[in-house]
């Protein structure tokens, strides 16, 4: 399977980096065709500029032309794997900015034609989504507040993918109080999960 792995963490020495390395190694060993986007190491600019905001709907092609590599990766992928820490109940600003600047009209969706209608998805070639994250909050608190980070990907963006898209979510909760044993166990769980993805 053609898989795009997107990683977002400022530290290459972090537990997130270990998750990223494990994911890439496991997927390649299983025979998948893997492309990688390490947003921090690439120095991706997450800021939607004033010019891009003005062009967003009126001259969308001009915005698309600014991100040819990222958009080519998104169109190429049959599966998307995102790896990041959950901060303030959502993805880091850089990853959110990647969504805002790369998942554009005409690329990821078509703007709704009229009021009260949802946008039409254009990522029907994506038939697998895998979210891998850590969070400082315990699982029960995220359940109380309806887990907005997970909902972004598995509910908000899910309709843009193939109708039969398989969704996998792996999250290590209470990261601030995690032990070496719990982190090692989570790494192993992620590895087992990715090994089961069919080629």
Foldseek 3Di string as FASTA:
>chain_A
DEEEEEEEDQDCPDLLVVLVVLLVVLLVVLPYRYDYHDCNVVVQDLDCDPVNVVCQPVPVVVLQVVPVVLLVSLQPGQEYEYTAEQDPLAGPSSVVSCCVRRCGDVRQWPCDPDPPDHTAADAQSHQEYEYEYEYLAAPVVCVVVVRVHVCCVVPVSVNNYHPNRHYHYQYHYNVVPDDPVSSVVSSVVSSVVSSPDHD
